């Protein structure tokens, strides 16, 4: 067996790096895997966020990649060892835990899971082309940007998240069009009624977006009505996709308790999971808030929980 680590951190968003900073300052010498199974991008979802204006400490705002560069440099300052590679397999049945990456086995007394969640998208090539140029998966993150203020916007989706995004955007937008492929909704009755009652929100159903158009940024969308097949073009400044998130838990499948949405279940007011020595933080266990600041806070909790657990459970 190779050297046994105190803590391995899987994931490198705000939660993972905050956990690394706290555990490194506690002299636990954490090892971080910057990439991870399930197609994650080192740095998490902030790497595809143009402007962050709601994170404390950046009064003029900061780009997502720039913020994650600050996080990473701070982790390195306290001598976190960072491997820019995916985790291929995790064996939580062994003690110490075994993590396999790049054909090599790594062992650790404790593991902090900070693999985040990936937003689901429509799947259009034009959607990818306009990412961060009018296409977003987070109204709370991006809705207040100048490019969207007093403009007409589209929200895609039919669940509570879509209704919440649409209602949030009414604070800034001139008009919000909600596009859903069906004329029935997964949203709760109260959320649906609030959206329907709002003077700035109008529903387009059953319909799908066929193409997102523009030059440097989103200028219009082509919408297909599913009952008639008619296609029309609507001028809008932004498209907010609210069709859910997929937690990045595939590598832990069958080994740790997940909720009905696939998020890792943590014990109340902590980052403890059902497996002793395994901790989860950030969006991989949070289907409600999904903000950089809440992810960072839970990363702090995970590091403190892990430190206390290691003190009480020497291997």
C-alpha atoms as a PDB file:
ATOM      1  CA  UNK A   1       0.000   0.000   0.000  1.00  0.00           C
ATOM      2  CA  UNK A   2       1.216   3.477  -0.875  1.00  0.00           C
ATOM      3  CA  UNK A   3       1.306   6.286   1.662  1.00  0.00           C
ATOM      4  CA  UNK A   4      -2.015   6.884   3.399  1.00  0.00           C
ATOM      5  CA  UNK A   5      -3.326  10.442   3.110  1.00  0.00           C
ATOM      6  CA  UNK A   6      -5.187  12.196   5.898  1.00  0.00           C
ATOM      7  CA  UNK A   7      -7.737  13.712   3.510  1.00  0.00           C
ATOM      8  CA  UNK A   8      -8.434  13.336  -0.170  1.00  0.00           C
ATOM      9  CA  UNK A   9     -10.694  15.995  -1.679  1.00  0.00           C
ATOM     10  CA  UNK A  10     -12.495  15.122  -4.907  1.00  0.00           C
ATOM     11  CA  UNK A  11     -13.626  18.226  -6.793  1.00  0.00           C
ATOM     12  CA  UNK A  12     -12.273  21.723  -7.210  1.00  0.00           C
ATOM     13  CA  UNK A  13     -15.100  24.233  -7.049  1.00  0.00           C
ATOM     14  CA  UNK A  14     -15.679  26.673  -4.180  1.00  0.00           C
ATOM     15  CA  UNK A  15     -16.582  23.812  -1.813  1.00  0.00           C
ATOM     16  CA  UNK A  16     -13.523  21.721  -2.646  1.00  0.00           C
ATOM     17  CA  UNK A  17     -11.049  24.574  -2.439  1.00  0.00           C
ATOM     18  CA  UNK A  18     -12.506  25.934   0.803  1.00  0.00           C
ATOM     19  CA  UNK A  19     -12.233  22.443   2.285  1.00  0.00           C
ATOM     20  CA  UNK A  20      -8.628  22.323   1.057  1.00  0.00           C
ATOM     21  CA  UNK A  21      -7.736  25.718   2.553  1.00  0.00           C
ATOM     22  CA  UNK A  22      -9.170  24.835   5.963  1.00  0.00           C
ATOM     23  CA  UNK A  23      -7.725  21.332   6.109  1.00  0.00           C
ATOM     24  CA  UNK A  24      -4.323  22.500   4.860  1.00  0.00           C
ATOM     25  CA  UNK A  25      -4.193  25.230   7.511  1.00  0.00           C
ATOM     26  CA  UNK A  26      -4.981  22.494  10.060  1.00  0.00           C
ATOM     27  CA  UNK A  27      -1.807  20.736   8.855  1.00  0.00           C
ATOM     28  CA  UNK A  28      -3.722  17.782   7.409  1.00  0.00           C
ATOM     29  CA  UNK A  29      -1.831  18.015   4.083  1.00  0.00           C
ATOM     30  CA  UNK A  30      -4.842  17.417   1.801  1.00  0.00           C
ATOM     31  CA  UNK A  31      -4.574  15.884  -1.660  1.00  0.00           C
ATOM     32  CA  UNK A  32      -7.068  17.252  -4.183  1.00  0.00           C
ATOM     33  CA  UNK A  33      -8.198  15.675  -7.437  1.00  0.00           C
ATOM     34  CA  UNK A  34      -9.032  18.655  -9.582  1.00  0.00           C
ATOM     35  CA  UNK A  35     -10.996  16.775 -12.210  1.00  0.00           C
ATOM     36  CA  UNK A  36     -13.479  14.011 -11.578  1.00  0.00           C
ATOM     37  CA  UNK A  37     -15.578  11.336 -13.226  1.00  0.00           C
ATOM     38  CA  UNK A  38     -18.831  12.562 -14.880  1.00  0.00           C
ATOM     39  CA  UNK A  39     -17.291  15.144 -17.139  1.00  0.00           C
ATOM     40  CA  UNK A  40     -16.608  17.820 -14.571  1.00  0.00           C
ATOM     41  CA  UNK A  41     -14.542  20.864 -15.362  1.00  0.00           C
ATOM     42  CA  UNK A  42     -11.790  21.803 -12.875  1.00  0.00           C
ATOM     43  CA  UNK A  43     -13.174  24.774 -10.990  1.00  0.00           C
ATOM     44  CA  UNK A  44     -16.786  23.683 -11.273  1.00  0.00           C
ATOM     45  CA  UNK A  45     -19.682  25.650 -12.737  1.00  0.00           C
ATOM     46  CA  UNK A  46     -18.040  29.013 -12.052  1.00  0.00           C
ATOM     47  CA  UNK A  47     -15.679  28.236 -14.920  1.00  0.00           C
ATOM     48  CA  UNK A  48     -18.612  28.822 -17.281  1.00  0.00           C
ATOM     49  CA  UNK A  49     -19.920  31.891 -15.441  1.00  0.00           C
ATOM     50  CA  UNK A  50     -19.023  35.220 -17.016  1.00  0.00           C
ATOM     51  CA  UNK A  51     -19.580  37.630 -14.149  1.00  0.00           C
ATOM     52  CA  UNK A  52     -19.978  37.017 -10.404  1.00  0.00           C
ATOM     53  CA  UNK A  53     -21.412  40.042  -8.596  1.00  0.00           C
ATOM     54  CA  UNK A  54     -22.942  38.421  -5.506  1.00  0.00           C
ATOM     55  CA  UNK A  55     -19.891  36.889  -3.823  1.00  0.00           C
ATOM     56  CA  UNK A  56     -18.755  38.946  -0.804  1.00  0.00           C
ATOM     57  CA  UNK A  57     -15.370  40.609  -1.117  1.00  0.00           C
ATOM     58  CA  UNK A  58     -15.598  41.522  -4.810  1.00  0.00           C
ATOM     59  CA  UNK A  59     -17.411  44.879  -4.855  1.00  0.00           C
ATOM     60  CA  UNK A  60     -16.706  45.426  -8.556  1.00  0.00           C
ATOM     61  CA  UNK A  61     -17.584  41.836  -9.487  1.00  0.00           C
ATOM     62  CA  UNK A  62     -15.254  39.158 -10.818  1.00  0.00           C
ATOM     63  CA  UNK A  63     -15.384  36.610 -13.619  1.00  0.00           C
ATOM     64  CA  UNK A  64     -16.019  33.009 -12.634  1.00  0.00           C
ATOM     65  CA  UNK A  65     -12.661  31.726 -13.930  1.00  0.00           C
ATOM     66  CA  UNK A  66     -10.812  34.588 -12.215  1.00  0.00           C
ATOM     67  CA  UNK A  67     -12.523  33.796  -8.908  1.00  0.00           C
ATOM     68  CA  UNK A  68     -11.612  30.111  -9.182  1.00  0.00           C
ATOM     69  CA  UNK A  69      -8.031  31.089  -9.952  1.00  0.00           C
ATOM     70  CA  UNK A  70      -7.984  32.978  -6.633  1.00  0.00           C
ATOM     71  CA  UNK A  71      -9.419  29.939  -4.841  1.00  0.00           C
ATOM     72  CA  UNK A  72      -6.822  27.640  -6.407  1.00  0.00           C
ATOM     73  CA  UNK A  73      -3.894  29.931  -5.623  1.00  0.00           C
ATOM     74  CA  UNK A  74      -5.010  30.167  -2.008  1.00  0.00           C
ATOM     75  CA  UNK A  75      -5.174  26.370  -1.766  1.00  0.00           C
ATOM     76  CA  UNK A  76      -1.675  26.129  -3.219  1.00  0.00           C
ATOM     77  CA  UNK A  77      -0.408  28.812  -0.838  1.00  0.00           C
ATOM     78  CA  UNK A  78      -1.185  26.485   2.063  1.00  0.00           C
ATOM     79  CA  UNK A  79       0.460  23.579   0.227  1.00  0.00           C
ATOM     80  CA  UNK A  80      -2.549  21.636  -0.925  1.00  0.00           C
ATOM     81  CA  UNK A  81      -1.310  19.090  -3.451  1.00  0.00           C
ATOM     82  CA  UNK A  82      -3.479  19.306  -6.574  1.00  0.00           C
ATOM     83  CA  UNK A  83      -3.670  16.614  -9.236  1.00  0.00           C
ATOM     84  CA  UNK A  84      -5.330  17.730 -12.462  1.00  0.00           C
ATOM     85  CA  UNK A  85      -6.906  14.403 -13.298  1.00  0.00           C
ATOM     86  CA  UNK A  86     -10.167  12.518 -12.972  1.00  0.00           C
ATOM     87  CA  UNK A  87     -11.057   9.993 -10.313  1.00  0.00           C
ATOM     88  CA  UNK A  88     -11.962   6.747 -12.069  1.00  0.00           C
ATOM     89  CA  UNK A  89     -13.075   4.677  -9.094  1.00  0.00           C
ATOM     90  CA  UNK A  90     -13.606   4.988  -5.346  1.00  0.00           C
ATOM     91  CA  UNK A  91     -13.775   2.001  -2.979  1.00  0.00           C
ATOM     92  CA  UNK A  92     -15.482   3.056   0.240  1.00  0.00           C
ATOM     93  CA  UNK A  93     -15.667  -0.505   1.607  1.00  0.00           C
ATOM     94  CA  UNK A  94     -11.974  -0.571   2.511  1.00  0.00           C
ATOM     95  CA  UNK A  95     -10.154   1.128   5.371  1.00  0.00           C
ATOM     96  CA  UNK A  96      -8.391   3.310   4.476  1.00  0.00           C
ATOM     97  CA  UNK A  97     -10.553   4.400   1.544  1.00  0.00           C
ATOM     98  CA  UNK A  98      -9.147   3.655  -1.900  1.00  0.00           C
ATOM     99  CA  UNK A  99      -9.244   6.151  -4.779  1.00  0.00           C
ATOM    100  CA  UNK A 100      -8.118   5.088  -8.237  1.00  0.00           C
ATOM    101  CA  UNK A 101      -7.005   7.699 -10.753  1.00  0.00           C
ATOM    102  CA  UNK A 102      -4.925   7.322 -13.878  1.00  0.00           C
ATOM    103  CA  UNK A 103      -4.289   3.670 -13.115  1.00  0.00           C
ATOM    104  CA  UNK A 104      -2.774   4.463  -9.717  1.00  0.00           C
ATOM    105  CA  UNK A 105      -4.226   3.697  -6.284  1.00  0.00           C
ATOM    106  CA  UNK A 106      -4.376   6.341  -3.569  1.00  0.00           C
ATOM    107  CA  UNK A 107      -5.401   5.691   0.029  1.00  0.00           C
ATOM    108  CA  UNK A 108      -6.899   8.064   2.558  1.00  0.00           C
ATOM    109  CA  UNK A 109      -8.270   8.020   6.088  1.00  0.00           C
ATOM    110  CA  UNK A 110     -11.010  10.500   5.120  1.00  0.00           C
ATOM    111  CA  UNK A 111     -12.538  11.637   1.832  1.00  0.00           C
ATOM    112  CA  UNK A 112     -14.355  14.903   1.141  1.00  0.00           C
ATOM    113  CA  UNK A 113     -16.681  14.771  -1.876  1.00  0.00           C
ATOM    114  CA  UNK A 114     -17.059  18.154  -3.579  1.00  0.00           C
ATOM    115  CA  UNK A 115     -17.868  17.049  -7.115  1.00  0.00           C
ATOM    116  CA  UNK A 116     -20.762  19.465  -7.589  1.00  0.00           C
ATOM    117  CA  UNK A 117     -23.694  19.168  -9.967  1.00  0.00           C
ATOM    118  CA  UNK A 118     -23.945  19.792 -13.684  1.00  0.00           C
ATOM    119  CA  UNK A 119     -26.740  21.871 -15.150  1.00  0.00           C
ATOM    120  CA  UNK A 120     -28.844  20.147 -17.770  1.00  0.00           C
ATOM    121  CA  UNK A 121     -29.067  21.939 -21.088  1.00  0.00           C
ATOM    122  CA  UNK A 122     -31.348  21.726 -24.113  1.00  0.00           C
ATOM    123  CA  UNK A 123     -28.634  20.195 -26.282  1.00  0.00           C
ATOM    124  CA  UNK A 124     -28.442  22.711 -29.148  1.00  0.00           C
ATOM    125  CA  UNK A 125     -25.175  23.626 -30.839  1.00  0.00           C
ATOM    126  CA  UNK A 126     -26.262  27.272 -30.760  1.00  0.00           C
ATOM    127  CA  UNK A 127     -26.843  26.928 -27.013  1.00  0.00           C
ATOM    128  CA  UNK A 128     -23.186  25.986 -26.546  1.00  0.00           C
ATOM    129  CA  UNK A 129     -22.071  28.785 -28.846  1.00  0.00           C
ATOM    130  CA  UNK A 130     -23.841  31.440 -26.769  1.00  0.00           C
ATOM    131  CA  UNK A 131     -22.900  30.122 -23.345  1.00  0.00           C
ATOM    132  CA  UNK A 132     -21.993  33.146 -21.206  1.00  0.00           C
ATOM    133  CA  UNK A 133     -23.132  35.364 -24.082  1.00  0.00           C
ATOM    134  CA  UNK A 134     -26.804  35.331 -23.246  1.00  0.00           C
ATOM    135  CA  UNK A 135     -27.337  31.669 -22.332  1.00  0.00           C
ATOM    136  CA  UNK A 136     -27.296  30.849 -18.623  1.00  0.00           C
ATOM    137  CA  UNK A 137     -28.420  28.091 -16.269  1.00  0.00           C
ATOM    138  CA  UNK A 138     -28.624  30.366 -13.224  1.00  0.00           C
ATOM    139  CA  UNK A 139     -30.889  33.407 -13.070  1.00  0.00           C
ATOM    140  CA  UNK A 140     -29.790  34.158  -9.505  1.00  0.00           C
ATOM    141  CA  UNK A 141     -26.179  34.290 -10.705  1.00  0.00           C
ATOM    142  CA  UNK A 142     -26.630  36.193 -13.948  1.00  0.00           C
ATOM    143  CA  UNK A 143     -30.084  37.765 -14.071  1.00  0.00           C
ATOM    144  CA  UNK A 144     -29.024  41.139 -12.704  1.00  0.00           C
ATOM    145  CA  UNK A 145     -26.275  41.636 -15.281  1.00  0.00           C
ATOM    146  CA  UNK A 146     -26.612  44.842 -17.343  1.00  0.00           C
ATOM    147  CA  UNK A 147     -27.051  42.864 -20.581  1.00  0.00           C
ATOM    148  CA  UNK A 148     -30.373  41.488 -19.280  1.00  0.00           C
ATOM    149  CA  UNK A 149     -31.841  44.564 -17.607  1.00  0.00           C
ATOM    150  CA  UNK A 150     -35.035  45.933 -19.184  1.00  0.00           C
ATOM    151  CA  UNK A 151     -34.838  43.273 -21.885  1.00  0.00           C
ATOM    152  CA  UNK A 152     -37.135  40.435 -22.924  1.00  0.00           C
ATOM    153  CA  UNK A 153     -35.865  37.064 -21.670  1.00  0.00           C
ATOM    154  CA  UNK A 154     -36.795  33.396 -22.018  1.00  0.00           C
ATOM    155  CA  UNK A 155     -36.865  30.733 -19.312  1.00  0.00           C
ATOM    156  CA  UNK A 156     -36.990  27.096 -20.425  1.00  0.00           C
ATOM    157  CA  UNK A 157     -38.532  24.524 -18.091  1.00  0.00           C
ATOM    158  CA  UNK A 158     -41.665  23.420 -16.306  1.00  0.00           C
ATOM    159  CA  UNK A 159     -40.693  22.710 -12.712  1.00  0.00           C
ATOM    160  CA  UNK A 160     -40.438  24.813  -9.576  1.00  0.00           C
ATOM    161  CA  UNK A 161     -36.939  25.917 -10.580  1.00  0.00           C
ATOM    162  CA  UNK A 162     -38.235  27.352 -13.841  1.00  0.00           C
ATOM    163  CA  UNK A 163     -41.014  29.233 -12.049  1.00  0.00           C
ATOM    164  CA  UNK A 164     -38.544  30.571  -9.475  1.00  0.00           C
ATOM    165  CA  UNK A 165     -36.134  31.673 -12.211  1.00  0.00           C
ATOM    166  CA  UNK A 166     -38.908  33.410 -14.140  1.00  0.00           C
ATOM    167  CA  UNK A 167     -40.218  35.208 -11.056  1.00  0.00           C
ATOM    168  CA  UNK A 168     -36.701  36.280 -10.075  1.00  0.00           C
ATOM    169  CA  UNK A 169     -36.020  37.661 -13.553  1.00  0.00           C
ATOM    170  CA  UNK A 170     -39.129  39.877 -13.439  1.00  0.00           C
ATOM    171  CA  UNK A 171     -37.183  42.138 -11.088  1.00  0.00           C
ATOM    172  CA  UNK A 172     -34.895  43.143 -13.947  1.00  0.00           C
ATOM    173  CA  UNK A 173     -36.502  42.125 -17.251  1.00  0.00           C
ATOM    174  CA  UNK A 174     -39.101  43.966 -19.287  1.00  0.00           C
ATOM    175  CA  UNK A 175     -40.785  40.651 -20.101  1.00  0.00           C
ATOM    176  CA  UNK A 176     -40.193  36.963 -19.342  1.00  0.00           C
ATOM    177  CA  UNK A 177     -41.384  34.258 -21.717  1.00  0.00           C
ATOM    178  CA  UNK A 178     -41.601  30.777 -20.189  1.00  0.00           C
ATOM    179  CA  UNK A 179     -41.199  28.004 -22.768  1.00  0.00           C
ATOM    180  CA  UNK A 180     -42.133  24.419 -21.878  1.00  0.00           C
ATOM    181  CA  UNK A 181     -42.512  21.379 -24.102  1.00  0.00           C
ATOM    182  CA  UNK A 182     -45.766  20.322 -22.471  1.00  0.00           C
ATOM    183  CA  UNK A 183     -48.916  22.111 -21.350  1.00  0.00           C
ATOM    184  CA  UNK A 184     -48.780  20.381 -17.963  1.00  0.00           C
ATOM    185  CA  UNK A 185     -46.122  21.250 -15.409  1.00  0.00           C
ATOM    186  CA  UNK A 186     -44.060  19.514 -12.742  1.00  0.00           C
ATOM    187  CA  UNK A 187     -44.099  22.728 -10.722  1.00  0.00           C
ATOM    188  CA  UNK A 188     -46.069  22.872  -7.509  1.00  0.00           C
ATOM    189  CA  UNK A 189     -49.498  24.450  -7.777  1.00  0.00           C
ATOM    190  CA  UNK A 190     -48.542  27.517  -5.748  1.00  0.00           C
ATOM    191  CA  UNK A 191     -45.407  28.253  -7.801  1.00  0.00           C
ATOM    192  CA  UNK A 192     -47.271  27.767 -11.074  1.00  0.00           C
ATOM    193  CA  UNK A 193     -50.056  30.090  -9.943  1.00  0.00           C
ATOM    194  CA  UNK A 194     -47.569  32.778  -8.907  1.00  0.00           C
ATOM    195  CA  UNK A 195     -45.880  32.664 -12.302  1.00  0.00           C
ATOM    196  CA  UNK A 196     -49.179  32.685 -14.209  1.00  0.00           C
ATOM    197  CA  UNK A 197     -50.437  35.629 -12.180  1.00  0.00           C
ATOM    198  CA  UNK A 198     -47.386  37.811 -12.752  1.00  0.00           C
ATOM    199  CA  UNK A 199     -47.965  40.548 -15.282  1.00  0.00           C
ATOM    200  CA  UNK A 200     -44.457  40.251 -16.747  1.00  0.00           C
ATOM    201  CA  UNK A 201     -44.569  36.473 -17.355  1.00  0.00           C
ATOM    202  CA  UNK A 202     -46.198  34.864 -20.378  1.00  0.00           C
ATOM    203  CA  UNK A 203     -46.258  31.137 -21.168  1.00  0.00           C
ATOM    204  CA  UNK A 204     -45.477  29.562 -24.554  1.00  0.00           C
ATOM    205  CA  UNK A 205     -46.636  25.917 -24.485  1.00  0.00           C
ATOM    206  CA  UNK A 206     -46.271  23.259 -25.714  1.00  0.00           C
ATOM    207  CA  UNK A 207     -43.168  24.495 -27.472  1.00  0.00           C
ATOM    208  CA  UNK A 208     -39.426  24.001 -27.832  1.00  0.00           C
ATOM    209  CA  UNK A 209     -36.542  26.247 -28.760  1.00  0.00           C
ATOM    210  CA  UNK A 210     -35.094  25.110 -32.078  1.00  0.00           C
ATOM    211  CA  UNK A 211     -32.251  27.600 -32.385  1.00  0.00           C
ATOM    212  CA  UNK A 212     -30.642  30.479 -30.521  1.00  0.00           C
ATOM    213  CA  UNK A 213     -29.547  33.285 -32.820  1.00  0.00           C
ATOM    214  CA  UNK A 214     -27.326  36.322 -32.654  1.00  0.00           C
ATOM    215  CA  UNK A 215     -23.968  37.798 -33.529  1.00  0.00           C
ATOM    216  CA  UNK A 216     -21.782  38.504 -30.495  1.00  0.00           C
ATOM    217  CA  UNK A 217     -24.531  37.582 -28.037  1.00  0.00           C
ATOM    218  CA  UNK A 218     -28.103  36.274 -27.965  1.00  0.00           C
ATOM    219  CA  UNK A 219     -30.465  38.402 -30.038  1.00  0.00           C
ATOM    220  CA  UNK A 220     -33.372  36.065 -30.791  1.00  0.00           C
ATOM    221  CA  UNK A 221     -34.649  32.485 -30.638  1.00  0.00           C
ATOM    222  CA  UNK A 222     -36.602  30.264 -33.004  1.00  0.00           C
ATOM    223  CA  UNK A 223     -39.543  28.646 -31.230  1.00  0.00           C
ATOM    224  CA  UNK A 224     -41.472  25.661 -32.564  1.00  0.00           C
ATOM    225  CA  UNK A 225     -45.062  25.088 -31.422  1.00  0.00           C
ATOM    226  CA  UNK A 226     -45.397  21.351 -30.992  1.00  0.00           C
ATOM    227  CA  UNK A 227     -49.109  21.078 -31.736  1.00  0.00           C
ATOM    228  CA  UNK A 228     -48.973  22.904 -35.073  1.00  0.00           C
ATOM    229  CA  UNK A 229     -45.313  22.675 -36.095  1.00  0.00           C
ATOM    230  CA  UNK A 230     -45.245  26.429 -36.659  1.00  0.00           C
ATOM    231  CA  UNK A 231     -41.860  28.101 -36.116  1.00  0.00           C
ATOM    232  CA  UNK A 232     -41.551  31.756 -35.163  1.00  0.00           C
ATOM    233  CA  UNK A 233     -38.647  33.983 -34.203  1.00  0.00           C
ATOM    234  CA  UNK A 234     -38.738  36.083 -31.037  1.00  0.00           C
ATOM    235  CA  UNK A 235     -36.308  38.856 -30.142  1.00  0.00           C
ATOM    236  CA  UNK A 236     -34.822  38.260 -26.682  1.00  0.00           C
ATOM    237  CA  UNK A 237     -31.558  39.152 -24.947  1.00  0.00           C
ATOM    238  CA  UNK A 238     -31.165  35.980 -22.916  1.00  0.00           C
ATOM    239  CA  UNK A 239     -32.145  32.337 -22.509  1.00  0.00           C
ATOM    240  CA  UNK A 240     -32.204  30.856 -19.010  1.00  0.00           C
ATOM    241  CA  UNK A 241     -32.304  27.073 -19.007  1.00  0.00           C
ATOM    242  CA  UNK A 242     -34.033  25.701 -15.906  1.00  0.00           C
ATOM    243  CA  UNK A 243     -34.535  22.014 -16.605  1.00  0.00           C
ATOM    244  CA  UNK A 244     -32.634  20.755 -13.586  1.00  0.00           C
ATOM    245  CA  UNK A 245     -29.197  19.678 -12.457  1.00  0.00           C
ATOM    246  CA  UNK A 246     -27.474  16.305 -12.310  1.00  0.00           C
ATOM    247  CA  UNK A 247     -25.308  15.747  -9.225  1.00  0.00           C
ATOM    248  CA  UNK A 248     -21.905  14.313 -10.116  1.00  0.00           C
ATOM    249  CA  UNK A 249     -22.143  11.130  -8.054  1.00  0.00           C
ATOM    250  CA  UNK A 250     -21.611   8.363 -10.621  1.00  0.00           C
ATOM    251  CA  UNK A 251     -18.240   7.365  -9.188  1.00  0.00           C
ATOM    252  CA  UNK A 252     -19.855   6.783  -5.764  1.00  0.00           C
ATOM    253  CA  UNK A 253     -22.905   4.934  -7.082  1.00  0.00           C
ATOM    254  CA  UNK A 254     -24.167   2.161  -4.824  1.00  0.00           C
ATOM    255  CA  UNK A 255     -21.785   3.055  -2.019  1.00  0.00           C
ATOM    256  CA  UNK A 256     -23.301   6.095  -0.332  1.00  0.00           C
ATOM    257  CA  UNK A 257     -26.882   7.102   0.416  1.00  0.00           C
ATOM    258  CA  UNK A 258     -28.452   9.355  -2.224  1.00  0.00           C
ATOM    259  CA  UNK A 259     -31.803  11.143  -2.143  1.00  0.00           C
ATOM    260  CA  UNK A 260     -34.519  10.730  -4.778  1.00  0.00           C
ATOM    261  CA  UNK A 261     -32.807  13.323  -7.002  1.00  0.00           C
ATOM    262  CA  UNK A 262     -29.411  11.628  -6.764  1.00  0.00           C
ATOM    263  CA  UNK A 263     -27.787  14.070  -4.341  1.00  0.00           C
ATOM    264  CA  UNK A 264     -25.608  12.719  -1.519  1.00  0.00           C
ATOM    265  CA  UNK A 265     -27.528  12.653   1.757  1.00  0.00           C
ATOM    266  CA  UNK A 266     -25.768  14.409   4.626  1.00  0.00           C
ATOM    267  CA  UNK A 267     -26.764  14.418   8.259  1.00  0.00           C
ATOM    268  CA  UNK A 268     -28.610  17.483   9.523  1.00  0.00           C
ATOM    269  CA  UNK A 269     -26.435  20.565  10.032  1.00  0.00           C
ATOM    270  CA  UNK A 270     -23.271  18.688   9.044  1.00  0.00           C
ATOM    271  CA  UNK A 271     -21.410  17.212   6.097  1.00  0.00           C
ATOM    272  CA  UNK A 272     -21.341  13.672   7.511  1.00  0.00           C
ATOM    273  CA  UNK A 273     -22.692  10.972   5.191  1.00  0.00           C
ATOM    274  CA  UNK A 274     -23.880   7.471   6.115  1.00  0.00           C
ATOM    275  CA  UNK A 275     -20.268   6.276   5.774  1.00  0.00           C
ATOM    276  CA  UNK A 276     -17.870   7.092   8.597  1.00  0.00           C
ATOM    277  CA  UNK A 277     -15.022   9.223   7.298  1.00  0.00           C
ATOM    278  CA  UNK A 278     -16.810  10.285   4.105  1.00  0.00           C
ATOM    279  CA  UNK A 279     -17.984  13.890   3.941  1.00  0.00           C
ATOM    280  CA  UNK A 280     -19.898  15.727   1.227  1.00  0.00           C
ATOM    281  CA  UNK A 281     -20.138  19.462   0.581  1.00  0.00           C
ATOM    282  CA  UNK A 282     -21.292  21.904  -2.056  1.00  0.00           C
ATOM    283  CA  UNK A 283     -23.748  21.270  -4.860  1.00  0.00           C
ATOM    284  CA  UNK A 284     -23.287  17.490  -4.779  1.00  0.00           C
ATOM    285  CA  UNK A 285     -25.399  17.503  -1.601  1.00  0.00           C
ATOM    286  CA  UNK A 286     -27.316  20.766  -2.044  1.00  0.00           C
ATOM    287  CA  UNK A 287     -30.238  20.798  -4.463  1.00  0.00           C
ATOM    288  CA  UNK A 288     -31.739  23.964  -2.973  1.00  0.00           C
ATOM    289  CA  UNK A 289     -29.291  26.885  -2.897  1.00  0.00           C
ATOM    290  CA  UNK A 290     -26.563  25.990  -5.420  1.00  0.00           C
ATOM    291  CA  UNK A 291     -24.569  29.204  -4.869  1.00  0.00           C
ATOM    292  CA  UNK A 292     -20.820  29.683  -4.708  1.00  0.00           C
ATOM    293  CA  UNK A 293     -21.032  31.258  -1.256  1.00  0.00           C
ATOM    294  CA  UNK A 294     -23.133  28.417   0.217  1.00  0.00           C
ATOM    295  CA  UNK A 295     -20.837  25.848  -1.401  1.00  0.00           C
ATOM    296  CA  UNK A 296     -17.792  27.535   0.136  1.00  0.00           C
ATOM    297  CA  UNK A 297     -19.499  27.564   3.535  1.00  0.00           C
ATOM    298  CA  UNK A 298     -20.219  23.855   3.361  1.00  0.00           C
ATOM    299  CA  UNK A 299     -16.616  23.207   2.274  1.00  0.00           C
ATOM    300  CA  UNK A 300     -15.497  24.888   5.499  1.00  0.00           C
ATOM    301  CA  UNK A 301     -17.885  22.656   7.451  1.00  0.00           C
ATOM    302  CA  UNK A 302     -16.570  19.531   5.695  1.00  0.00           C
ATOM    303  CA  UNK A 303     -12.967  20.345   6.579  1.00  0.00           C
ATOM    304  CA  UNK A 304     -13.849  20.976  10.234  1.00  0.00           C
ATOM    305  CA  UNK A 305     -16.008  17.837  10.379  1.00  0.00           C
ATOM    306  CA  UNK A 306     -13.213  15.768   8.840  1.00  0.00           C
ATOM    307  CA  UNK A 307     -10.581  17.221  11.167  1.00  0.00           C
ATOM    308  CA  UNK A 308     -12.661  16.404  14.242  1.00  0.00           C
ATOM    309  CA  UNK A 309     -13.479  12.946  12.927  1.00  0.00           C
ATOM    310  CA  UNK A 310      -9.791  12.198  12.310  1.00  0.00           C
ATOM    311  CA  UNK A 311      -8.958  13.281  15.868  1.00  0.00           C
ATOM    312  CA  UNK A 312     -11.606  10.954  17.271  1.00  0.00           C
ATOM    313  CA  UNK A 313     -10.886   8.051  14.896  1.00  0.00           C
ATOM    314  CA  UNK A 314      -7.120   7.544  14.438  1.00  0.00           C
ATOM    315  CA  UNK A 315      -6.589   4.851  11.811  1.00  0.00           C
END
